[in-house]
Amino acid sequence: NASHELRTPLASVLGFIETLQGPAKNDAPARDRFLEIMRSQATRMSRLIDDLLSLSRIELNAHVRPETRVDIGAIVAHTVDTLAPLARERGVDLRIQRAEEGLEVFGDRDELIRVFENLVENGIKYGASGGRVDVTIERSRRGTGRLGEAVIAVRDYGPGIAAEHLPRLTERFYRVDVSQSRDKGGTGLGLAIVKHIVARHRGRLLIDSRPGEGATFTIRIDLAETP
């Protein structure tokens, strides 16, 4: 799968290089257009390699649960702030609601940022037609710990996802719509990375969606007990 994903953009880049060295050698407008396509394809390959390396690192540490206490609400809020410009660019109203401050979990801050970046960015890109993405952070009394668990939900109001796709969304390179995913810069690894990071944190990823009703991705992680 990885070699296939890399082969397509690489073939495109090589083809345009040959064209620029030959028929389009002195064609300035064509050169500018081809270079922009080459830049886009090279960026796509770079993202894929970055995601493959991230997945490898996460799998190496899958058996080691993080021991650092982090404020998961603050991490989510930081991620939303970071992605606010993208939401504005796509015409999406990105909202966040925190029911409670100071929800601490044992976690790797960088990995958790990666989780919520993937989920919020997916909501903005694939649910843009709904014009809105809601992010909620709250405490639930459920969970295995005495303090319950932190529950973070990312909901979009886009086209939704048919039921037959839901069980496979976290598989590597699985896409509901291959061309749409590639057009939007997807590598097919984002939700696989989310799944593995959440598993390392001993949390749960839940996906709820129906065609025409948007999609909700929910992360549940036990809260850290007070030392």
C-alpha atoms as a PDB file:
ATOM      1  CA  ASN A   1       0.000   0.000   0.000  1.00  0.00           C
ATOM      2  CA  ALA A   2       2.759   2.443   0.926  1.00  0.00           C
ATOM      3  CA  SER A   3       4.719   1.770  -2.259  1.00  0.00           C
ATOM      4  CA  HIS A   4       1.557   2.264  -4.329  1.00  0.00           C
ATOM      5  CA  GLU A   5       0.800   5.562  -2.585  1.00  0.00           C
ATOM      6  CA  LEU A   6       4.342   6.784  -3.269  1.00  0.00           C
ATOM      7  CA  ARG A   7       4.601   5.443  -6.816  1.00  0.00           C
ATOM      8  CA  THR A   8       1.755   7.561  -8.224  1.00  0.00           C
ATOM      9  CA  PRO A   9       3.053  11.024  -7.228  1.00  0.00           C
ATOM     10  CA  LEU A  10       6.645   9.979  -7.967  1.00  0.00           C
ATOM     11  CA  ALA A  11       5.673   8.938 -11.502  1.00  0.00           C
ATOM     12  CA  SER A  12       3.947  12.293 -11.928  1.00  0.00           C
ATOM     13  CA  VAL A  13       7.046  14.230 -10.828  1.00  0.00           C
ATOM     14  CA  LEU A  14       9.363  12.207 -13.091  1.00  0.00           C
ATOM     15  CA  GLY A  15       7.015  12.669 -16.036  1.00  0.00           C
ATOM     16  CA  PHE A  16       6.955  16.437 -15.625  1.00  0.00           C
ATOM     17  CA  ILE A  17      10.761  16.569 -15.255  1.00  0.00           C
ATOM     18  CA  GLU A  18      11.120  14.762 -18.572  1.00  0.00           C
ATOM     19  CA  THR A  19       8.637  17.169 -20.192  1.00  0.00           C
ATOM     20  CA  LEU A  20      10.499  20.195 -18.818  1.00  0.00           C
ATOM     21  CA  GLN A  21      13.773  18.818 -20.132  1.00  0.00           C
ATOM     22  CA  GLY A  22      12.217  18.185 -23.538  1.00  0.00           C
ATOM     23  CA  PRO A  23       9.099  19.648 -25.215  1.00  0.00           C
ATOM     24  CA  ALA A  24       8.426  22.317 -22.580  1.00  0.00           C
ATOM     25  CA  LYS A  25      12.045  23.351 -22.113  1.00  0.00           C
ATOM     26  CA  ASN A  26      11.464  26.897 -23.352  1.00  0.00           C
ATOM     27  CA  ASP A  27       7.751  27.193 -22.541  1.00  0.00           C
ATOM     28  CA  ALA A  28       7.643  29.532 -19.519  1.00  0.00           C
ATOM     29  CA  PRO A  29       3.869  29.301 -18.793  1.00  0.00           C
ATOM     30  CA  ALA A  30       3.969  25.482 -19.005  1.00  0.00           C
ATOM     31  CA  ARG A  31       7.072  25.407 -16.795  1.00  0.00           C
ATOM     32  CA  ASP A  32       5.346  27.421 -14.045  1.00  0.00           C
ATOM     33  CA  ARG A  33       2.244  25.215 -14.199  1.00  0.00           C
ATOM     34  CA  PHE A  34       4.251  21.974 -14.145  1.00  0.00           C
ATOM     35  CA  LEU A  35       6.468  23.139 -11.282  1.00  0.00           C
ATOM     36  CA  GLU A  36       3.399  23.890  -9.169  1.00  0.00           C
ATOM     37  CA  ILE A  37       2.048  20.387  -9.819  1.00  0.00           C
ATOM     38  CA  MET A  38       5.452  18.894  -8.975  1.00  0.00           C
ATOM     39  CA  ARG A  39       5.564  20.869  -5.741  1.00  0.00           C
ATOM     40  CA  SER A  40       2.102  19.571  -4.814  1.00  0.00           C
ATOM     41  CA  GLN A  41       3.063  15.954  -5.545  1.00  0.00           C
ATOM     42  CA  ALA A  42       6.352  16.246  -3.637  1.00  0.00           C
ATOM     43  CA  THR A  43       4.444  17.673  -0.652  1.00  0.00           C
ATOM     44  CA  ARG A  44       2.060  14.724  -0.824  1.00  0.00           C
ATOM     45  CA  MET A  45       4.984  12.266  -0.723  1.00  0.00           C
ATOM     46  CA  SER A  46       6.540  14.158   2.182  1.00  0.00           C
ATOM     47  CA  ARG A  47       3.296  13.997   4.194  1.00  0.00           C
ATOM     48  CA  LEU A  48       2.999  10.286   3.543  1.00  0.00           C
ATOM     49  CA  ILE A  49       6.573   9.614   4.679  1.00  0.00           C
ATOM     50  CA  ASP A  50       6.053  11.738   7.805  1.00  0.00           C
ATOM     51  CA  ASP A  51       2.887   9.789   8.652  1.00  0.00           C
ATOM     52  CA  LEU A  52       4.585   6.427   8.073  1.00  0.00           C
ATOM     53  CA  LEU A  53       7.453   7.420  10.379  1.00  0.00           C
ATOM     54  CA  SER A  54       5.001   8.674  13.016  1.00  0.00           C
ATOM     55  CA  LEU A  55       3.077   5.411  12.895  1.00  0.00           C
ATOM     56  CA  SER A  56       6.305   3.415  13.296  1.00  0.00           C
ATOM     57  CA  ARG A  57       7.346   5.476  16.330  1.00  0.00           C
ATOM     58  CA  ILE A  58       3.929   5.113  17.937  1.00  0.00           C
ATOM     59  CA  GLU A  59       3.909   1.344  17.405  1.00  0.00           C
ATOM     60  CA  LEU A  60       7.380   1.045  18.970  1.00  0.00           C
ATOM     61  CA  ASN A  61       6.020   2.569  22.198  1.00  0.00           C
ATOM     62  CA  ALA A  62       2.546   1.023  22.036  1.00  0.00           C
ATOM     63  CA  HIS A  63       3.112  -1.070  25.171  1.00  0.00           C
ATOM     64  CA  VAL A  64       4.385   1.890  27.243  1.00  0.00           C
ATOM     65  CA  ARG A  65       1.628   4.002  28.746  1.00  0.00           C
ATOM     66  CA  PRO A  66       2.577   7.697  29.172  1.00  0.00           C
ATOM     67  CA  GLU A  67       3.228   8.763  32.775  1.00  0.00           C
ATOM     68  CA  THR A  68       3.206  12.567  32.433  1.00  0.00           C
ATOM     69  CA  ARG A  69       0.147  14.460  33.675  1.00  0.00           C
ATOM     70  CA  VAL A  70      -1.246  16.797  31.018  1.00  0.00           C
ATOM     71  CA  ASP A  71      -4.305  19.036  30.824  1.00  0.00           C
ATOM     72  CA  ILE A  72      -6.172  17.492  27.919  1.00  0.00           C
ATOM     73  CA  GLY A  73      -8.640  20.393  27.707  1.00  0.00           C
ATOM     74  CA  ALA A  74      -5.784  22.855  27.235  1.00  0.00           C
ATOM     75  CA  ILE A  75      -4.284  20.617  24.530  1.00  0.00           C
ATOM     76  CA  VAL A  76      -7.578  20.515  22.629  1.00  0.00           C
ATOM     77  CA  ALA A  77      -8.049  24.297  22.982  1.00  0.00           C
ATOM     78  CA  HIS A  78      -4.512  24.887  21.660  1.00  0.00           C
ATOM     79  CA  THR A  79      -5.246  22.636  18.673  1.00  0.00           C
ATOM     80  CA  VAL A  80      -8.485  24.474  17.882  1.00  0.00           C
ATOM     81  CA  ASP A  81      -6.656  27.829  18.019  1.00  0.00           C
ATOM     82  CA  THR A  82      -3.996  26.480  15.654  1.00  0.00           C
ATOM     83  CA  LEU A  83      -6.570  25.285  13.115  1.00  0.00           C
ATOM     84  CA  ALA A  84      -8.837  28.353  13.320  1.00  0.00           C
ATOM     85  CA  PRO A  85      -7.196  29.987  10.240  1.00  0.00           C
ATOM     86  CA  LEU A  86      -7.820  26.844   8.158  1.00  0.00           C
ATOM     87  CA  ALA A  87     -11.466  26.840   9.276  1.00  0.00           C
ATOM     88  CA  ARG A  88     -11.882  30.480   8.261  1.00  0.00           C
ATOM     89  CA  GLU A  89     -10.235  29.787   4.915  1.00  0.00           C
ATOM     90  CA  ARG A  90     -12.708  26.946   4.262  1.00  0.00           C
ATOM     91  CA  GLY A  91     -15.708  28.964   5.482  1.00  0.00           C
ATOM     92  CA  VAL A  92     -16.239  26.707   8.501  1.00  0.00           C
ATOM     93  CA  ASP A  93     -17.435  27.949  11.895  1.00  0.00           C
ATOM     94  CA  LEU A  94     -15.130  26.149  14.378  1.00  0.00           C
ATOM     95  CA  ARG A  95     -16.491  26.191  17.934  1.00  0.00           C
ATOM     96  CA  ILE A  96     -15.174  24.790  21.204  1.00  0.00           C
ATOM     97  CA  GLN A  97     -17.051  24.213  24.443  1.00  0.00           C
ATOM     98  CA  ARG A  98     -15.362  23.239  27.714  1.00  0.00           C
ATOM     99  CA  ALA A  99     -17.720  22.090  30.435  1.00  0.00           C
ATOM    100  CA  GLU A 100     -14.943  21.903  33.021  1.00  0.00           C
ATOM    101  CA  GLU A 101     -11.373  23.175  33.406  1.00  0.00           C
ATOM    102  CA  GLY A 102      -8.359  21.204  34.585  1.00  0.00           C
ATOM    103  CA  LEU A 103      -9.107  17.735  33.214  1.00  0.00           C
ATOM    104  CA  GLU A 104      -5.789  15.929  33.581  1.00  0.00           C
ATOM    105  CA  VAL A 105      -4.816  12.603  32.039  1.00  0.00           C
ATOM    106  CA  PHE A 106      -1.561  10.677  31.799  1.00  0.00           C
ATOM    107  CA  GLY A 107      -0.447  11.482  28.284  1.00  0.00           C
ATOM    108  CA  ASP A 108       2.155  12.449  25.718  1.00  0.00           C
ATOM    109  CA  ARG A 109       1.375  16.063  24.812  1.00  0.00           C
ATOM    110  CA  ASP A 110       2.771  15.899  21.269  1.00  0.00           C
ATOM    111  CA  GLU A 111       0.907  12.692  20.491  1.00  0.00           C
ATOM    112  CA  LEU A 112      -2.377  14.046  21.839  1.00  0.00           C
ATOM    113  CA  ILE A 113      -1.952  17.220  19.788  1.00  0.00           C
ATOM    114  CA  ARG A 114      -1.514  14.945  16.752  1.00  0.00           C
ATOM    115  CA  VAL A 115      -4.771  13.146  17.599  1.00  0.00           C
ATOM    116  CA  PHE A 116      -6.866  16.289  17.829  1.00  0.00           C
ATOM    117  CA  GLU A 117      -5.157  17.951  14.870  1.00  0.00           C
ATOM    118  CA  ASN A 118      -6.153  14.980  12.734  1.00  0.00           C
ATOM    119  CA  LEU A 119      -9.742  14.894  13.980  1.00  0.00           C
ATOM    120  CA  VAL A 120     -10.410  18.638  13.807  1.00  0.00           C
ATOM    121  CA  GLU A 121      -8.663  19.027  10.451  1.00  0.00           C
ATOM    122  CA  ASN A 122     -10.698  16.114   9.048  1.00  0.00           C
ATOM    123  CA  GLY A 123     -13.879  17.770  10.301  1.00  0.00           C
ATOM    124  CA  ILE A 124     -12.937  21.034   8.601  1.00  0.00           C
ATOM    125  CA  LYS A 125     -11.897  19.418   5.306  1.00  0.00           C
ATOM    126  CA  TYR A 126     -14.460  16.648   4.873  1.00  0.00           C
ATOM    127  CA  GLY A 127     -17.368  18.290   6.675  1.00  0.00           C
ATOM    128  CA  ALA A 128     -16.904  21.747   5.173  1.00  0.00           C
ATOM    129  CA  SER A 129     -20.232  21.559   3.352  1.00  0.00           C
ATOM    130  CA  GLY A 130     -21.963  21.640   6.744  1.00  0.00           C
ATOM    131  CA  GLY A 131     -20.257  24.960   7.524  1.00  0.00           C
ATOM    132  CA  ARG A 132     -19.580  24.105  11.149  1.00  0.00           C
ATOM    133  CA  VAL A 133     -17.426  21.923  13.406  1.00  0.00           C
ATOM    134  CA  ASP A 134     -18.145  21.607  17.137  1.00  0.00           C
ATOM    135  CA  VAL A 135     -15.527  20.455  19.658  1.00  0.00           C
ATOM    136  CA  THR A 136     -16.718  19.603  23.173  1.00  0.00           C
ATOM    137  CA  ILE A 137     -14.690  18.710  26.268  1.00  0.00           C
ATOM    138  CA  GLU A 138     -16.363  17.263  29.347  1.00  0.00           C
ATOM    139  CA  ARG A 139     -16.005  14.833  32.240  1.00  0.00           C
ATOM    140  CA  SER A 140     -17.889  11.559  32.381  1.00  0.00           C
ATOM    141  CA  ARG A 141     -18.312   9.528  35.555  1.00  0.00           C
ATOM    142  CA  ARG A 142     -17.802   6.390  33.500  1.00  0.00           C
ATOM    143  CA  GLY A 143     -14.399   4.819  32.965  1.00  0.00           C
ATOM    144  CA  THR A 144     -12.183   2.547  35.037  1.00  0.00           C
ATOM    145  CA  GLY A 145     -10.791   5.222  37.351  1.00  0.00           C
ATOM    146  CA  ARG A 146     -12.338   6.817  40.420  1.00  0.00           C
ATOM    147  CA  LEU A 147     -12.428  10.246  38.763  1.00  0.00           C
ATOM    148  CA  GLY A 148     -14.106   9.025  35.589  1.00  0.00           C
ATOM    149  CA  GLU A 149     -12.850   9.989  32.145  1.00  0.00           C
ATOM    150  CA  ALA A 150     -12.288  12.954  29.872  1.00  0.00           C
ATOM    151  CA  VAL A 151     -14.572  12.909  26.831  1.00  0.00           C
ATOM    152  CA  ILE A 152     -13.624  14.964  23.763  1.00  0.00           C
ATOM    153  CA  ALA A 153     -15.967  14.943  20.786  1.00  0.00           C
ATOM    154  CA  VAL A 154     -15.355  16.459  17.339  1.00  0.00           C
ATOM    155  CA  ARG A 155     -18.539  16.792  15.316  1.00  0.00           C
ATOM    156  CA  ASP A 156     -18.992  18.009  11.764  1.00  0.00           C
ATOM    157  CA  TYR A 157     -22.229  18.602   9.866  1.00  0.00           C
ATOM    158  CA  GLY A 158     -21.055  17.405   6.481  1.00  0.00           C
ATOM    159  CA  PRO A 159     -22.240  14.548   4.248  1.00  0.00           C
ATOM    160  CA  GLY A 160     -21.687  11.840   6.855  1.00  0.00           C
ATOM    161  CA  ILE A 161     -20.351   8.317   6.361  1.00  0.00           C
ATOM    162  CA  ALA A 162     -22.293   5.194   5.388  1.00  0.00           C
ATOM    163  CA  ALA A 163     -22.464   2.442   8.016  1.00  0.00           C
ATOM    164  CA  GLU A 164     -20.470  -0.094   5.995  1.00  0.00           C
ATOM    165  CA  HIS A 165     -17.404   2.159   6.061  1.00  0.00           C
ATOM    166  CA  LEU A 166     -17.328   2.860   9.821  1.00  0.00           C
ATOM    167  CA  PRO A 167     -15.585  -0.356  10.995  1.00  0.00           C
ATOM    168  CA  ARG A 168     -12.746   0.167   8.494  1.00  0.00           C
ATOM    169  CA  LEU A 169     -12.058   3.903   8.884  1.00  0.00           C
ATOM    170  CA  THR A 170      -9.030   3.343  11.135  1.00  0.00           C
ATOM    171  CA  GLU A 171      -7.374   0.845   8.782  1.00  0.00           C
ATOM    172  CA  ARG A 172      -4.211   2.076   7.093  1.00  0.00           C
ATOM    173  CA  PHE A 173      -4.860   3.562   3.666  1.00  0.00           C
ATOM    174  CA  TYR A 174      -8.606   2.887   3.849  1.00  0.00           C
ATOM    175  CA  ARG A 175     -10.569   5.734   2.291  1.00  0.00           C
ATOM    176  CA  VAL A 176     -14.295   6.239   1.783  1.00  0.00           C
ATOM    177  CA  ASP A 177     -13.556   8.328  -1.328  1.00  0.00           C
ATOM    178  CA  VAL A 178     -10.006   7.891  -2.655  1.00  0.00           C
ATOM    179  CA  SER A 179      -9.974  10.843  -5.056  1.00  0.00           C
ATOM    180  CA  GLN A 180     -11.566  13.235  -2.550  1.00  0.00           C
ATOM    181  CA  SER A 181      -9.107  12.215   0.164  1.00  0.00           C
ATOM    182  CA  ARG A 182      -6.091  12.773  -2.097  1.00  0.00           C
ATOM    183  CA  ASP A 183      -7.477  16.071  -3.380  1.00  0.00           C
ATOM    184  CA  LYS A 184      -7.737  17.289   0.209  1.00  0.00           C
ATOM    185  CA  GLY A 185      -4.200  16.197   1.055  1.00  0.00           C
ATOM    186  CA  GLY A 186      -5.084  13.024   2.946  1.00  0.00           C
ATOM    187  CA  THR A 187      -2.535  10.207   3.238  1.00  0.00           C
ATOM    188  CA  GLY A 188      -4.954   7.494   4.355  1.00  0.00           C
ATOM    189  CA  LEU A 189      -3.037   7.140   7.637  1.00  0.00           C
ATOM    190  CA  GLY A 190      -4.539   9.879   9.817  1.00  0.00           C
ATOM    191  CA  LEU A 191      -7.176   7.814  11.605  1.00  0.00           C
ATOM    192  CA  ALA A 192      -4.802   4.843  11.929  1.00  0.00           C
ATOM    193  CA  ILE A 193      -2.406   7.170  13.770  1.00  0.00           C
ATOM    194  CA  VAL A 194      -5.269   8.410  15.960  1.00  0.00           C
ATOM    195  CA  LYS A 195      -6.290   4.839  16.813  1.00  0.00           C
ATOM    196  CA  HIS A 196      -2.766   3.787  17.797  1.00  0.00           C
ATOM    197  CA  ILE A 197      -2.126   6.883  19.927  1.00  0.00           C
ATOM    198  CA  VAL A 198      -5.447   6.498  21.741  1.00  0.00           C
ATOM    199  CA  ALA A 199      -4.698   2.806  22.347  1.00  0.00           C
ATOM    200  CA  ARG A 200      -1.287   3.710  23.814  1.00  0.00           C
ATOM    201  CA  HIS A 201      -3.097   6.077  26.207  1.00  0.00           C
ATOM    202  CA  ARG A 202      -5.455   3.207  27.131  1.00  0.00           C
ATOM    203  CA  GLY A 203      -8.347   5.234  25.775  1.00  0.00           C
ATOM    204  CA  ARG A 204     -11.162   4.595  23.319  1.00  0.00           C
ATOM    205  CA  LEU A 205     -12.056   6.031  19.930  1.00  0.00           C
ATOM    206  CA  LEU A 206     -15.749   5.995  19.006  1.00  0.00           C
ATOM    207  CA  ILE A 207     -17.140   6.961  15.589  1.00  0.00           C
ATOM    208  CA  ASP A 208     -20.777   7.783  14.988  1.00  0.00           C
ATOM    209  CA  SER A 209     -22.121   8.879  11.617  1.00  0.00           C
ATOM    210  CA  ARG A 210     -25.070   8.619   9.274  1.00  0.00           C
ATOM    211  CA  PRO A 211     -25.301   9.806   5.675  1.00  0.00           C
ATOM    212  CA  GLY A 212     -26.563  13.377   5.560  1.00  0.00           C
ATOM    213  CA  GLU A 213     -26.104  13.912   9.316  1.00  0.00           C
ATOM    214  CA  GLY A 214     -22.380  14.574   9.664  1.00  0.00           C
ATOM    215  CA  ALA A 215     -19.934  12.592  11.785  1.00  0.00           C
ATOM    216  CA  THR A 216     -18.816  12.579  15.425  1.00  0.00           C
ATOM    217  CA  PHE A 217     -15.425  11.274  16.551  1.00  0.00           C
ATOM    218  CA  THR A 218     -15.172  10.817  20.321  1.00  0.00           C
ATOM    219  CA  ILE A 219     -12.067  10.176  22.436  1.00  0.00           C
ATOM    220  CA  ARG A 220     -12.490   8.844  25.977  1.00  0.00           C
ATOM    221  CA  ILE A 221      -9.455   8.655  28.321  1.00  0.00           C
ATOM    222  CA  ASP A 222      -9.400   7.951  32.061  1.00  0.00           C
ATOM    223  CA  LEU A 223      -8.611  10.986  34.197  1.00  0.00           C
ATOM    224  CA  ALA A 224      -5.404  10.925  36.224  1.00  0.00           C
ATOM    225  CA  GLU A 225      -5.863  10.287  39.925  1.00  0.00           C
ATOM    226  CA  THR A 226      -4.617  12.956  42.345  1.00  0.00           C
ATOM    227  CA  PRO A 227      -1.167  11.966  43.684  1.00  0.00           C
END
